[in-house]
C-alpha cells in the first residue's frame, strides 16, 4: 500500500495502532471468531447436504460400512475448508486492510466516502477513536522511515 516490504509494513501498522491507542482493536479477535463460527455452520450444512445426496440419489461416497457418517464428514471437511479459505483468507484480510487504511488516512476516507466515514466515526467515537485534529496519519507512517534513513 505504501511501498513497504511485508515486515516493514506490519511494523508501521503496529506503530500506527500503538500511537493511536488502537491496540485493543488490533488484538481483538471478534471478526475472526465470527468468521470461524460461520465456517463451522457452512461446514455442517455441507455435511448435511452430502448426507442428503448420498441418501436420496443413492450416490455412495465410499465403500465403508457407514456411508452416512462418511458422507457427513467428507461434506463437513470440504465445506469447512473451502469456506475457511474464503472467509478468513479473503474477507478477514479485507476487514484488516480497511482498518489499517482508516487508521492511516481517516480524512481521505471522509473526503471520498462521507456517509461511511460518519457511520464509522459515530460507532467508534464513544469507544476508542478520535482522530488527531491537525496531524495527518500519513506523517505518522512516514516519520519512522525518516528516523531509520
Protein backbone atom coordinates (compact mmCIF):
# COMPACT_ATOMS: atom_id res chain seq x y z
CA UNK A 1 0.00 0.00 0.00
CA UNK A 2 2.75 2.45 0.93
CA UNK A 3 5.54 0.62 -0.95
CA UNK A 4 6.90 -1.03 2.19
CA UNK A 5 8.04 -4.63 2.45
CA UNK A 6 5.72 -7.04 4.24
CA UNK A 7 7.67 -6.90 7.51
CA UNK A 8 8.24 -3.15 7.41
CA UNK A 9 4.56 -2.55 6.57
CA UNK A 10 3.50 -4.70 9.52
CA UNK A 11 5.83 -2.76 11.82
CA UNK A 12 4.46 0.57 10.54
CA UNK A 13 0.88 -0.61 11.06
CA UNK A 14 1.79 -1.73 14.59
CA UNK A 15 3.33 1.68 15.30
CA UNK A 16 0.26 3.41 13.87
CA UNK A 17 -2.14 1.43 16.03
CA UNK A 18 0.09 1.91 19.10
CA UNK A 19 0.32 5.68 18.52
CA UNK A 20 -3.45 5.99 18.17
CA UNK A 21 -4.16 3.75 21.13
CA UNK A 22 -5.97 1.23 18.97
CA UNK A 23 -4.10 -1.88 20.12
CA UNK A 24 -7.34 -3.22 21.62
CA UNK A 25 -8.85 -3.21 18.12
CA UNK A 26 -5.76 -4.73 16.54
CA UNK A 27 -5.67 -7.53 19.12
CA UNK A 28 -9.43 -8.16 19.13
CA UNK A 29 -10.44 -11.46 17.54
CA UNK A 30 -14.16 -10.73 17.27
CA UNK A 31 -14.24 -10.67 13.47
CA UNK A 32 -12.10 -13.81 13.18
CA UNK A 33 -14.27 -15.61 15.75
CA UNK A 34 -17.43 -14.71 13.83
CA UNK A 35 -15.89 -15.89 10.57
CA UNK A 36 -14.80 -19.18 12.18
CA UNK A 37 -18.33 -19.74 13.51
CA UNK A 38 -19.73 -19.05 10.03
CA UNK A 39 -17.23 -21.56 8.58
CA UNK A 40 -18.37 -24.18 11.10
CA UNK A 41 -22.03 -23.61 10.19
CA UNK A 42 -21.21 -23.77 6.47
CA UNK A 43 -19.19 -26.96 7.02
CA UNK A 44 -22.01 -28.63 8.95
CA UNK A 45 -24.52 -27.57 6.29
CA UNK A 46 -22.32 -29.08 3.58
CA UNK A 47 -22.11 -32.27 5.64
CA UNK A 48 -25.90 -32.46 5.87
CA UNK A 49 -26.17 -31.78 2.13
CA UNK A 50 -23.71 -34.60 1.44
CA UNK A 51 -25.81 -36.99 3.55
CA UNK A 52 -28.94 -35.95 1.64
CA UNK A 53 -27.18 -36.51 -1.69
CA UNK A 54 -25.93 -39.89 -0.51
CA UNK A 55 -29.36 -40.99 0.74
CA UNK A 56 -31.65 -39.55 -1.94
CA UNK A 57 -29.57 -40.13 -5.06
CA UNK A 58 -28.03 -43.36 -3.88
CA UNK A 59 -24.59 -41.94 -4.62
CA UNK A 60 -22.01 -43.58 -2.37
CA UNK A 61 -19.01 -41.58 -1.25
CA UNK A 62 -17.15 -44.64 -0.01
CA UNK A 63 -17.31 -48.39 0.29
CA UNK A 64 -17.01 -48.28 4.10
CA UNK A 65 -19.75 -49.83 6.22
CA UNK A 66 -21.07 -46.48 7.50
CA UNK A 67 -21.82 -44.42 4.40
CA UNK A 68 -23.92 -41.78 6.20
CA UNK A 69 -21.14 -40.79 8.61
CA UNK A 70 -18.54 -40.93 5.86
CA UNK A 71 -20.65 -38.67 3.62
CA UNK A 72 -21.24 -36.28 6.51
CA UNK A 73 -17.54 -35.98 7.37
CA UNK A 74 -16.44 -35.61 3.76
CA UNK A 75 -19.02 -32.84 3.21
CA UNK A 76 -18.20 -31.14 6.52
CA UNK A 77 -14.44 -31.10 6.00
CA UNK A 78 -14.78 -29.93 2.40
CA UNK A 79 -17.29 -27.19 3.26
CA UNK A 80 -15.33 -26.00 6.30
CA UNK A 81 -12.03 -25.91 4.42
CA UNK A 82 -13.36 -24.00 1.43
CA UNK A 83 -15.40 -21.53 3.49
CA UNK A 84 -12.48 -21.01 5.86
CA UNK A 85 -10.22 -20.13 2.94
CA UNK A 86 -12.79 -17.74 1.53
CA UNK A 87 -13.97 -16.14 4.76
CA UNK A 88 -10.75 -15.92 6.77
CA UNK A 89 -8.46 -15.51 3.80
CA UNK A 90 -10.36 -13.02 1.69
CA UNK A 91 -12.97 -11.39 3.93
CA UNK A 92 -10.75 -11.29 7.03
CA UNK A 93 -7.91 -9.71 5.08
CA UNK A 94 -10.28 -7.15 3.56
CA UNK A 95 -11.51 -6.16 7.02
CA UNK A 96 -7.94 -5.83 8.33
CA UNK A 97 -6.96 -3.76 5.30
CA UNK A 98 -9.96 -1.47 5.80
CA UNK A 99 -8.98 -0.86 9.42
CA UNK A 100 -5.38 -0.04 8.51
CA UNK A 101 -6.48 2.29 5.71
CA UNK A 102 -8.98 4.01 8.01
CA UNK A 103 -6.31 4.42 10.68
CA UNK A 104 -3.72 5.73 8.21
CA UNK A 105 -5.91 8.17 6.27
CA UNK A 106 -9.21 8.93 8.07
CA UNK A 107 -9.57 12.32 6.40
CA UNK A 108 -9.13 10.85 2.90
CA UNK A 109 -11.80 8.33 3.75
CA UNK A 110 -14.09 11.13 4.93
CA UNK A 111 -13.47 13.09 1.74
CA UNK A 112 -14.17 10.14 -0.58
CA UNK A 113 -16.88 8.32 1.40
CA UNK A 114 -18.53 10.78 3.82
CA UNK A 115 -21.54 8.61 4.71
CA UNK A 116 -19.45 5.54 5.56
CA UNK A 117 -16.93 7.69 7.41
CA UNK A 118 -19.66 9.25 9.53
CA UNK A 119 -21.05 5.82 10.37
CA UNK A 120 -17.62 4.56 11.48
CA UNK A 121 -16.94 7.72 13.48
CA UNK A 122 -20.30 7.51 15.28
CA UNK A 123 -19.80 3.90 16.26
CA UNK A 124 -16.17 4.28 17.31
CA UNK A 125 -16.21 7.76 18.85
CA UNK A 126 -17.71 6.56 22.11
CA UNK A 127 -15.31 3.65 22.36
CA UNK A 128 -11.81 4.29 21.10
CA UNK A 129 -11.48 6.68 18.22
CA UNK A 130 -10.92 10.37 17.90
CA UNK A 131 -8.57 11.48 15.11
CA UNK A 132 -5.82 13.99 15.81
CA UNK A 133 -7.11 17.37 14.60
CA UNK A 134 -4.06 18.82 12.83
CA UNK A 135 -1.73 15.94 12.10
CA UNK A 136 -2.33 13.59 9.20
CA UNK A 137 -1.73 9.91 9.87
CA UNK A 138 0.43 9.51 6.80
CA UNK A 139 3.01 11.68 8.53
CA UNK A 140 2.97 9.13 11.36
CA UNK A 141 3.68 6.37 8.84
CA UNK A 142 6.47 8.33 7.16
CA UNK A 143 8.07 9.54 10.42
CA UNK A 144 9.52 6.11 11.17
CA UNK A 145 11.15 5.82 7.74
CA UNK A 146 12.89 9.19 8.16
CA UNK A 147 14.35 8.10 11.51
CA UNK A 148 15.83 4.90 10.05
CA UNK A 149 17.28 6.63 6.97
